[in-house]
PDB file of all heavy atoms in Angstrom:
ATOM      1  N   VAL A   1     103.465 108.262 106.281  1.00  0.00           N
ATOM      2  CA  VAL A   1     102.223 108.738 105.699  1.00  0.00           C
ATOM      3  C   VAL A   1     101.999 108.032 104.362  1.00  0.00           C
ATOM      4  O   VAL A   1     102.847 108.059 103.480  1.00  0.00           O
ATOM      5  CB  VAL A   1     102.260 110.251 105.488  1.00  0.00           C
ATOM      6  CG1 VAL A   1     100.989 110.710 104.789  1.00  0.00           C
ATOM      7  CG2 VAL A   1     102.423 110.979 106.831  1.00  0.00           C
ATOM      8  N   GLN A   2     100.842 107.409 104.242  1.00  0.00           N
ATOM      9  CA  GLN A   2     100.587 106.646 103.029  1.00  0.00           C
ATOM     10  C   GLN A   2      99.104 106.505 102.773  1.00  0.00           C
ATOM     11  O   GLN A   2      98.314 106.358 103.707  1.00  0.00           O
ATOM     12  CB  GLN A   2     101.213 105.248 103.167  1.00  0.00           C
ATOM     13  CG  GLN A   2     101.320 104.477 101.880  1.00  0.00           C
ATOM     14  CD  GLN A   2     102.110 103.179 102.073  1.00  0.00           C
ATOM     15  OE1 GLN A   2     102.287 102.692 103.184  1.00  0.00           O
ATOM     16  NE2 GLN A   2     102.580 102.626 100.972  1.00  0.00           N
ATOM     17  N   LEU A   3      98.735 106.560 101.513  1.00  0.00           N
ATOM     18  CA  LEU A   3      97.374 106.298 101.065  1.00  0.00           C
ATOM     19  C   LEU A   3      97.466 105.212 100.007  1.00  0.00           C
ATOM     20  O   LEU A   3      98.188 105.372  99.027  1.00  0.00           O
ATOM     21  CB  LEU A   3      96.726 107.549 100.474  1.00  0.00           C
ATOM     22  CG  LEU A   3      96.551 108.745 101.400  1.00  0.00           C
ATOM     23  CD1 LEU A   3      96.170 109.979 100.606  1.00  0.00           C
ATOM     24  CD2 LEU A   3      95.496 108.449 102.451  1.00  0.00           C
ATOM     25  N   VAL A   4      96.741 104.123 100.200  1.00  0.00           N
ATOM     26  CA  VAL A   4      96.811 103.016  99.253  1.00  0.00           C
ATOM     27  C   VAL A   4      95.411 102.688  98.767  1.00  0.00           C
ATOM     28  O   VAL A   4      94.566 102.219  99.537  1.00  0.00           O
ATOM     29  CB  VAL A   4      97.457 101.771  99.885  1.00  0.00           C
ATOM     30  CG1 VAL A   4      97.500 100.627  98.872  1.00  0.00           C
ATOM     31  CG2 VAL A   4      98.856 102.087 100.386  1.00  0.00           C
ATOM     32  N   GLU A   5      95.199 102.941  97.482  1.00  0.00           N
ATOM     33  CA  GLU A   5      93.901 102.675  96.871  1.00  0.00           C
ATOM     34  C   GLU A   5      93.882 101.282  96.239  1.00  0.00           C
ATOM     35  O   GLU A   5      94.912 100.811  95.744  1.00  0.00           O
ATOM     36  CB  GLU A   5      93.597 103.711  95.781  1.00  0.00           C
ATOM     37  CG  GLU A   5      93.603 105.145  96.243  1.00  0.00           C
ATOM     38  CD  GLU A   5      94.939 105.854  96.063  1.00  0.00           C
ATOM     39  OE1 GLU A   5      95.965 105.162  95.877  1.00  0.00           O
ATOM     40  OE2 GLU A   5      94.961 107.108  96.104  1.00  0.00           O
ATOM     41  N   SER A   6      92.705 100.673  96.237  1.00  0.00           N
ATOM     42  CA  SER A   6      92.548  99.360  95.609  1.00  0.00           C
ATOM     43  C   SER A   6      91.099  99.146  95.223  1.00  0.00           C
ATOM     44  O   SER A   6      90.223  99.936  95.608  1.00  0.00           O
ATOM     45  CB  SER A   6      93.009  98.249  96.559  1.00  0.00           C
ATOM     46  OG  SER A   6      92.199  98.217  97.714  1.00  0.00           O
ATOM     47  N   GLY A   7      90.860  98.086  94.463  1.00  0.00           N
ATOM     48  CA  GLY A   7      89.493  97.714  94.124  1.00  0.00           C
ATOM     49  C   GLY A   7      89.072  98.027  92.697  1.00  0.00           C
ATOM     50  O   GLY A   7      87.958  97.691  92.299  1.00  0.00           O
ATOM     51  N   GLY A   8      89.932  98.686  91.954  1.00  0.00           N
ATOM     52  CA  GLY A   8      89.586  99.009  90.578  1.00  0.00           C
ATOM     53  C   GLY A   8      89.586  97.777  89.698  1.00  0.00           C
ATOM     54  O   GLY A   8      89.955  96.679  90.119  1.00  0.00           O
ATOM     55  N   GLY A   9      89.172  97.973  88.460  1.00  0.00           N
ATOM     56  CA  GLY A   9      89.146  96.865  87.512  1.00  0.00           C
ATOM     57  C   GLY A   9      88.368  97.223  86.270  1.00  0.00           C
ATOM     58  O   GLY A   9      88.019  98.385  86.044  1.00  0.00           O
ATOM     59  N   LEU A  10      88.094  96.194  85.483  1.00  0.00           N
ATOM     60  CA  LEU A  10      87.324  96.343  84.249  1.00  0.00           C
ATOM     61  C   LEU A  10      85.912  95.847  84.500  1.00  0.00           C
ATOM     62  O   LEU A  10      85.713  94.733  84.997  1.00  0.00           O
ATOM     63  CB  LEU A  10      87.972  95.535  83.135  1.00  0.00           C
ATOM     64  CG  LEU A  10      87.227  95.450  81.801  1.00  0.00           C
ATOM     65  CD1 LEU A  10      87.093  96.831  81.177  1.00  0.00           C
ATOM     66  CD2 LEU A  10      87.948  94.488  80.863  1.00  0.00           C
ATOM     67  N   VAL A  11      84.939  96.654  84.149  1.00  0.00           N
ATOM     68  CA  VAL A  11      83.541  96.297  84.376  1.00  0.00           C
ATOM     69  C   VAL A  11      82.703  96.800  83.207  1.00  0.00           C
ATOM     70  O   VAL A  11      83.060  97.801  82.574  1.00  0.00           O
ATOM     71  CB  VAL A  11      83.037  96.888  85.713  1.00  0.00           C
ATOM     72  CG1 VAL A  11      83.070  98.403  85.689  1.00  0.00           C
ATOM     73  CG2 VAL A  11      81.667  96.360  86.083  1.00  0.00           C
ATOM     74  N   GLN A  12      81.618  96.106  82.923  1.00  0.00           N
ATOM     75  CA  GLN A  12      80.719  96.557  81.872  1.00  0.00           C
ATOM     76  C   GLN A  12      79.848  97.697  82.353  1.00  0.00           C
ATOM     77  O   GLN A  12      79.582  97.830  83.557  1.00  0.00           O
ATOM     78  CB  GLN A  12      79.851  95.396  81.401  1.00  0.00           C
ATOM     79  CG  GLN A  12      80.610  94.339  80.603  1.00  0.00           C
ATOM     80  CD  GLN A  12      79.679  93.308  79.985  1.00  0.00           C
ATOM     81  OE1 GLN A  12      78.608  93.040  80.531  1.00  0.00           O
ATOM     82  NE2 GLN A  12      80.079  92.739  78.864  1.00  0.00           N
ATOM     83  N   ALA A  13      79.393  98.484  81.418  1.00  0.00           N
ATOM     84  CA  ALA A  13      78.473  99.565  81.751  1.00  0.00           C
ATOM     85  C   ALA A  13      77.269  99.005  82.506  1.00  0.00           C
ATOM     86  O   ALA A  13      76.744  97.936  82.151  1.00  0.00           O
ATOM     87  CB  ALA A  13      78.028 100.284  80.491  1.00  0.00           C
ATOM     88  N   GLY A  14      76.878  99.721  83.553  1.00  0.00           N
ATOM     89  CA  GLY A  14      75.783  99.261  84.399  1.00  0.00           C
ATOM     90  C   GLY A  14      76.233  98.445  85.591  1.00  0.00           C
ATOM     91  O   GLY A  14      75.428  98.184  86.497  1.00  0.00           O
ATOM     92  N   GLY A  15      77.491  98.069  85.608  1.00  0.00           N
ATOM     93  CA  GLY A  15      78.030  97.268  86.693  1.00  0.00           C
ATOM     94  C   GLY A  15      78.439  98.099  87.897  1.00  0.00           C
ATOM     95  O   GLY A  15      78.217  99.313  87.940  1.00  0.00           O
ATOM     96  N   SER A  16      79.039  97.399  88.863  1.00  0.00           N
ATOM     97  CA  SER A  16      79.423  98.036  90.122  1.00  0.00           C
ATOM     98  C   SER A  16      80.848  97.659  90.503  1.00  0.00           C
ATOM     99  O   SER A  16      81.340  96.587  90.137  1.00  0.00           O
ATOM    100  CB  SER A  16      78.483  97.598  91.252  1.00  0.00           C
ATOM    101  OG  SER A  16      77.155  97.980  90.996  1.00  0.00           O
ATOM    102  N   LEU A  17      81.466  98.548  91.252  1.00  0.00           N
ATOM    103  CA  LEU A  17      82.770  98.300  91.863  1.00  0.00           C
ATOM    104  C   LEU A  17      82.796  98.988  93.218  1.00  0.00           C
ATOM    105  O   LEU A  17      82.102  99.990  93.431  1.00  0.00           O
ATOM    106  CB  LEU A  17      83.910  98.854  91.007  1.00  0.00           C
ATOM    107  CG  LEU A  17      84.335  98.080  89.752  1.00  0.00           C
ATOM    108  CD1 LEU A  17      85.372  98.888  88.985  1.00  0.00           C
ATOM    109  CD2 LEU A  17      84.886  96.712  90.117  1.00  0.00           C
ATOM    110  N   ARG A  18      83.620  98.455  94.100  1.00  0.00           N
ATOM    111  CA  ARG A  18      83.834  99.090  95.402  1.00  0.00           C
ATOM    112  C   ARG A  18      85.324  99.354  95.584  1.00  0.00           C
ATOM    113  O   ARG A  18      86.119  98.412  95.609  1.00  0.00           O
ATOM    114  CB  ARG A  18      83.327  98.205  96.532  1.00  0.00           C
ATOM    115  CG  ARG A  18      83.330  98.892  97.892  1.00  0.00           C
ATOM    116  CD  ARG A  18      83.137  97.896  99.007  1.00  0.00           C
ATOM    117  NE  ARG A  18      82.814  98.526 100.279  1.00  0.00           N
ATOM    118  CZ  ARG A  18      83.031  97.946 101.466  1.00  0.00           C
ATOM    119  NH1 ARG A  18      83.582  96.752 101.518  1.00  0.00           N
ATOM    120  NH2 ARG A  18      82.689  98.569 102.574  1.00  0.00           N
ATOM    121  N   LEU A  19      85.654 100.607  95.712  1.00  0.00           N
ATOM    122  CA  LEU A  19      87.036 101.001  95.918  1.00  0.00           C
ATOM    123  C   LEU A  19      87.317 101.161  97.406  1.00  0.00           C
ATOM    124  O   LEU A  19      86.432 101.537  98.175  1.00  0.00           O
ATOM    125  CB  LEU A  19      87.341 102.315  95.197  1.00  0.00           C
ATOM    126  CG  LEU A  19      87.004 102.380  93.705  1.00  0.00           C
ATOM    127  CD1 LEU A  19      87.455 103.725  93.148  1.00  0.00           C
ATOM    128  CD2 LEU A  19      87.623 101.234  92.948  1.00  0.00           C
ATOM    129  N   SER A  20      88.571 100.896  97.783  1.00  0.00           N
ATOM    130  CA  SER A  20      89.005 101.072  99.159  1.00  0.00           C
ATOM    131  C   SER A  20      90.267 101.917  99.175  1.00  0.00           C
ATOM    132  O   SER A  20      91.073 101.866  98.247  1.00  0.00           O
ATOM    133  CB  SER A  20      89.308  99.723  99.809  1.00  0.00           C
ATOM    134  OG  SER A  20      88.183  98.889  99.835  1.00  0.00           O
ATOM    135  N   CYS A  21      90.430 102.672 100.239  1.00  0.00           N
ATOM    136  CA  CYS A  21      91.639 103.458 100.439  1.00  0.00           C
ATOM    137  C   CYS A  21      92.032 103.331 101.903  1.00  0.00           C
ATOM    138  O   CYS A  21      91.277 103.763 102.780  1.00  0.00           O
ATOM    139  CB  CYS A  21      91.406 104.913 100.075  1.00  0.00           C
ATOM    140  SG  CYS A  21      92.757 106.022 100.546  1.00  0.00           S
ATOM    141  N   VAL A  22      93.188 102.746 102.127  1.00  0.00           N
ATOM    142  CA  VAL A  22      93.697 102.587 103.484  1.00  0.00           C
ATOM    143  C   VAL A  22      94.721 103.681 103.743  1.00  0.00           C
ATOM    144  O   VAL A  22      95.672 103.859 102.976  1.00  0.00           O
ATOM    145  CB  VAL A  22      94.338 101.208 103.682  1.00  0.00           C
ATOM    146  CG1 VAL A  22      94.858 101.079 105.105  1.00  0.00           C
ATOM    147  CG2 VAL A  22      93.327 100.109 103.394  1.00  0.00           C
ATOM    148  N   ALA A  23      94.518 104.405 104.822  1.00  0.00           N
ATOM    149  CA  ALA A  23      95.401 105.507 105.185  1.00  0.00           C
ATOM    150  C   ALA A  23      96.260 105.125 106.383  1.00  0.00           C
ATOM    151  O   ALA A  23      95.794 104.427 107.293  1.00  0.00           O
ATOM    152  CB  ALA A  23      94.585 106.748 105.508  1.00  0.00           C
ATOM    153  N   SER A  24      97.475 105.611 106.377  1.00  0.00           N
ATOM    154  CA  SER A  24      98.362 105.396 107.515  1.00  0.00           C
ATOM    155  C   SER A  24      99.157 106.676 107.759  1.00  0.00           C
ATOM    156  O   SER A  24      99.440 107.437 106.838  1.00  0.00           O
ATOM    157  CB  SER A  24      99.300 104.215 107.275  1.00  0.00           C
ATOM    158  OG  SER A  24     100.056 104.401 106.098  1.00  0.00           O
ATOM    159  N   GLY A  25      99.468 106.901 109.028  1.00  0.00           N
ATOM    160  CA  GLY A  25     100.287 108.060 109.374  1.00  0.00           C
ATOM    161  C   GLY A  25      99.561 109.387 109.379  1.00  0.00           C
ATOM    162  O   GLY A  25     100.209 110.441 109.384  1.00  0.00           O
ATOM    163  N   ILE A  26      98.226 109.361 109.349  1.00  0.00           N
ATOM    164  CA  ILE A  26      97.458 110.606 109.381  1.00  0.00           C
ATOM    165  C   ILE A  26      96.395 110.516 110.474  1.00  0.00           C
ATOM    166  O   ILE A  26      96.103 109.426 110.964  1.00  0.00           O
ATOM    167  CB  ILE A  26      96.783 110.910 108.023  1.00  0.00           C
ATOM    168  CG1 ILE A  26      95.689 109.867 107.706  1.00  0.00           C
ATOM    169  CG2 ILE A  26      97.805 110.950 106.907  1.00  0.00           C
ATOM    170  CD1 ILE A  26      94.845 110.219 106.493  1.00  0.00           C
ATOM    171  N   ALA A  27      95.838 111.665 110.809  1.00  0.00           N
ATOM    172  CA  ALA A  27      94.766 111.718 111.807  1.00  0.00           C
ATOM    173  C   ALA A  27      93.447 111.367 111.135  1.00  0.00           C
ATOM    174  O   ALA A  27      92.543 112.191 111.022  1.00  0.00           O
ATOM    175  CB  ALA A  27      94.719 113.101 112.421  1.00  0.00           C
ATOM    176  N   PHE A  28      93.340 110.142 110.680  1.00  0.00           N
ATOM    177  CA  PHE A  28      92.218 109.735 109.825  1.00  0.00           C
ATOM    178  C   PHE A  28      90.868 110.029 110.454  1.00  0.00           C
ATOM    179  O   PHE A  28      89.973 110.564 109.799  1.00  0.00           O
ATOM    180  CB  PHE A  28      92.340 108.244 109.509  1.00  0.00           C
ATOM    181  CG  PHE A  28      91.273 107.723 108.591  1.00  0.00           C
ATOM    182  CD1 PHE A  28      91.442 107.786 107.218  1.00  0.00           C
ATOM    183  CD2 PHE A  28      90.099 107.179 109.103  1.00  0.00           C
ATOM    184  CE1 PHE A  28      90.451 107.312 106.358  1.00  0.00           C
ATOM    185  CE2 PHE A  28      89.114 106.705 108.257  1.00  0.00           C
ATOM    186  CZ  PHE A  28      89.284 106.769 106.882  1.00  0.00           C
ATOM    187  N   SER A  29      90.706 109.702 111.717  1.00  0.00           N
ATOM    188  CA  SER A  29      89.369 109.765 112.321  1.00  0.00           C
ATOM    189  C   SER A  29      88.853 111.185 112.466  1.00  0.00           C
ATOM    190  O   SER A  29      87.648 111.382 112.636  1.00  0.00           O
ATOM    191  CB  SER A  29      89.379 109.063 113.676  1.00  0.00           C
ATOM    192  OG  SER A  29      90.247 109.742 114.562  1.00  0.00           O
ATOM    193  N   ILE A  30      89.715 112.184 112.399  1.00  0.00           N
ATOM    194  CA  ILE A  30      89.250 113.559 112.581  1.00  0.00           C
ATOM    195  C   ILE A  30      89.325 114.371 111.293  1.00  0.00           C
ATOM    196  O   ILE A  30      89.012 115.556 111.284  1.00  0.00           O
ATOM    197  CB  ILE A  30      90.042 114.284 113.695  1.00  0.00           C
ATOM    198  CG1 ILE A  30      91.522 114.412 113.321  1.00  0.00           C
ATOM    199  CG2 ILE A  30      89.886 113.565 115.022  1.00  0.00           C
ATOM    200  CD1 ILE A  30      92.313 115.274 114.299  1.00  0.00           C
ATOM    201  N   ASP A  31      89.733 113.745 110.215  1.00  0.00           N
ATOM    202  CA  ASP A  31      89.885 114.457 108.955  1.00  0.00           C
ATOM    203  C   ASP A  31      88.790 114.080 107.955  1.00  0.00           C
ATOM    204  O   ASP A  31      88.327 112.936 107.931  1.00  0.00           O
ATOM    205  CB  ASP A  31      91.241 114.140 108.320  1.00  0.00           C
ATOM    206  CG  ASP A  31      92.383 114.863 109.023  1.00  0.00           C
ATOM    207  OD1 ASP A  31      92.108 115.631 109.974  1.00  0.00           O
ATOM    208  OD2 ASP A  31      93.540 114.655 108.633  1.00  0.00           O
ATOM    209  N   THR A  32      88.433 115.058 107.135  1.00  0.00           N
ATOM    210  CA  THR A  32      87.547 114.793 106.010  1.00  0.00           C
ATOM    211  C   THR A  32      88.358 114.119 104.909  1.00  0.00           C
ATOM    212  O   THR A  32      89.455 114.568 104.577  1.00  0.00           O
ATOM    213  CB  THR A  32      86.942 116.102 105.475  1.00  0.00           C
ATOM    214  OG1 THR A  32      86.090 116.654 106.488  1.00  0.00           O
ATOM    215  CG2 THR A  32      86.135 115.879 104.209  1.00  0.00           C
ATOM    216  N   MET A  33      87.805 113.040 104.373  1.00  0.00           N
ATOM    217  CA  MET A  33      88.488 112.283 103.323  1.00  0.00           C
ATOM    218  C   MET A  33      87.708 112.394 102.012  1.00  0.00           C
ATOM    219  O   MET A  33      86.487 112.585 102.020  1.00  0.00           O
ATOM    220  CB  MET A  33      88.611 110.815 103.714  1.00  0.00           C
ATOM    221  CG  MET A  33      89.434 110.590 104.967  1.00  0.00           C
ATOM    222  SD  MET A  33      91.172 111.058 104.780  1.00  0.00           S
ATOM    223  CE  MET A  33      91.725 109.870 103.543  1.00  0.00           C
ATOM    224  N   GLY A  34      88.420 112.243 100.919  1.00  0.00           N
ATOM    225  CA  GLY A  34      87.753 112.386  99.633  1.00  0.00           C
ATOM    226  C   GLY A  34      88.286 111.457  98.568  1.00  0.00           C
ATOM    227  O   GLY A  34      89.387 110.897  98.693  1.00  0.00           O
ATOM    228  N   TRP A  35      87.494 111.282  97.547  1.00  0.00           N
ATOM    229  CA  TRP A  35      87.872 110.549  96.345  1.00  0.00           C
ATOM    230  C   TRP A  35      87.902 111.520  95.166  1.00  0.00           C
ATOM    231  O   TRP A  35      87.037 112.392  95.050  1.00  0.00           O
ATOM    232  CB  TRP A  35      86.885 109.425  96.040  1.00  0.00           C
ATOM    233  CG  TRP A  35      87.041 108.217  96.897  1.00  0.00           C
ATOM    234  CD1 TRP A  35      86.332 107.910  98.018  1.00  0.00           C
ATOM    235  CD2 TRP A  35      87.963 107.130  96.705  1.00  0.00           C
ATOM    236  NE1 TRP A  35      86.759 106.709  98.538  1.00  0.00           N
ATOM    237  CE2 TRP A  35      87.750 106.220  97.737  1.00  0.00           C
ATOM    238  CE3 TRP A  35      88.937 106.847  95.745  1.00  0.00           C
ATOM    239  CZ2 TRP A  35      88.478 105.029  97.863  1.00  0.00           C
ATOM    240  CZ3 TRP A  35      89.657 105.667  95.859  1.00  0.00           C
ATOM    241  CH2 TRP A  35      89.433 104.772  96.903  1.00  0.00           C
ATOM    242  N   TYR A  36      88.885 111.312  94.307  1.00  0.00           N
ATOM    243  CA  TYR A  36      89.045 112.097  93.094  1.00  0.00           C
ATOM    244  C   TYR A  36      89.294 111.128  91.944  1.00  0.00           C
ATOM    245  O   TYR A  36      89.601 109.960  92.163  1.00  0.00           O
ATOM    246  CB  TYR A  36      90.244 113.043  93.223  1.00  0.00           C
ATOM    247  CG  TYR A  36      90.116 114.036  94.344  1.00  0.00           C
ATOM    248  CD1 TYR A  36      90.375 113.663  95.661  1.00  0.00           C
ATOM    249  CD2 TYR A  36      89.747 115.350  94.097  1.00  0.00           C
ATOM    250  CE1 TYR A  36      90.246 114.569  96.699  1.00  0.00           C
ATOM    251  CE2 TYR A  36      89.629 116.271  95.124  1.00  0.00           C
ATOM    252  CZ  TYR A  36      89.888 115.873  96.419  1.00  0.00           C
ATOM    253  OH  TYR A  36      89.769 116.774  97.443  1.00  0.00           O
ATOM    254  N   ARG A  37      89.189 111.629  90.730  1.00  0.00           N
ATOM    255  CA  ARG A  37      89.511 110.784  89.589  1.00  0.00           C
ATOM    256  C   ARG A  37      90.130 111.621  88.487  1.00  0.00           C
ATOM    257  O   ARG A  37      89.913 112.828  88.393  1.00  0.00           O
ATOM    258  CB  ARG A  37      88.269 110.060  89.073  1.00  0.00           C
ATOM    259  CG  ARG A  37      87.202 110.969  88.447  1.00  0.00           C
ATOM    260  CD  ARG A  37      85.971 110.137  88.112  1.00  0.00           C
ATOM    261  NE  ARG A  37      84.940 110.953  87.471  1.00  0.00           N
ATOM    262  CZ  ARG A  37      83.720 110.514  87.184  1.00  0.00           C
ATOM    263  NH1 ARG A  37      83.370 109.260  87.490  1.00  0.00           N
ATOM    264  NH2 ARG A  37      82.852 111.314  86.595  1.00  0.00           N
ATOM    265  N   GLN A  38      90.903 110.932  87.660  1.00  0.00           N
ATOM    266  CA  GLN A  38      91.540 111.601  86.532  1.00  0.00           C
ATOM    267  C   GLN A  38      91.463 110.698  85.319  1.00  0.00           C
ATOM    268  O   GLN A  38      92.064 109.611  85.312  1.00  0.00           O
ATOM    269  CB  GLN A  38      92.994 111.956  86.847  1.00  0.00           C
ATOM    270  CG  GLN A  38      93.653 112.782  85.762  1.00  0.00           C
ATOM    271  CD  GLN A  38      94.987 113.355  86.196  1.00  0.00           C
ATOM    272  OE1 GLN A  38      95.609 112.894  87.145  1.00  0.00           O
ATOM    273  NE2 GLN A  38      95.415 114.403  85.518  1.00  0.00           N
ATOM    274  N   ALA A  39      90.718 111.137  84.329  1.00  0.00           N
ATOM    275  CA  ALA A  39      90.639 110.412  83.068  1.00  0.00           C
ATOM    276  C   ALA A  39      91.799 110.819  82.178  1.00  0.00           C
ATOM    277  O   ALA A  39      92.377 111.902  82.345  1.00  0.00           O
ATOM    278  CB  ALA A  39      89.306 110.711  82.382  1.00  0.00           C
ATOM    279  N   ALA A  40      92.135 109.977  81.243  1.00  0.00           N
ATOM    280  CA  ALA A  40      93.250 110.243  80.341  1.00  0.00           C
ATOM    281  C   ALA A  40      93.051 111.570  79.613  1.00  0.00           C
ATOM    282  O   ALA A  40      91.987 111.829  79.045  1.00  0.00           O
ATOM    283  CB  ALA A  40      93.393 109.112  79.332  1.00  0.00           C
TER     284      ALA A  40
END
């Protein structure tokens, strides 16, 4: 079971980024997935 996030970086205000999360070992296609964040 693993979740691997990628795609982050440094960007200026107004810019864009696309994050990806690859899942393994879970019933991905039948589960609701989510994104969370934690600031310092």
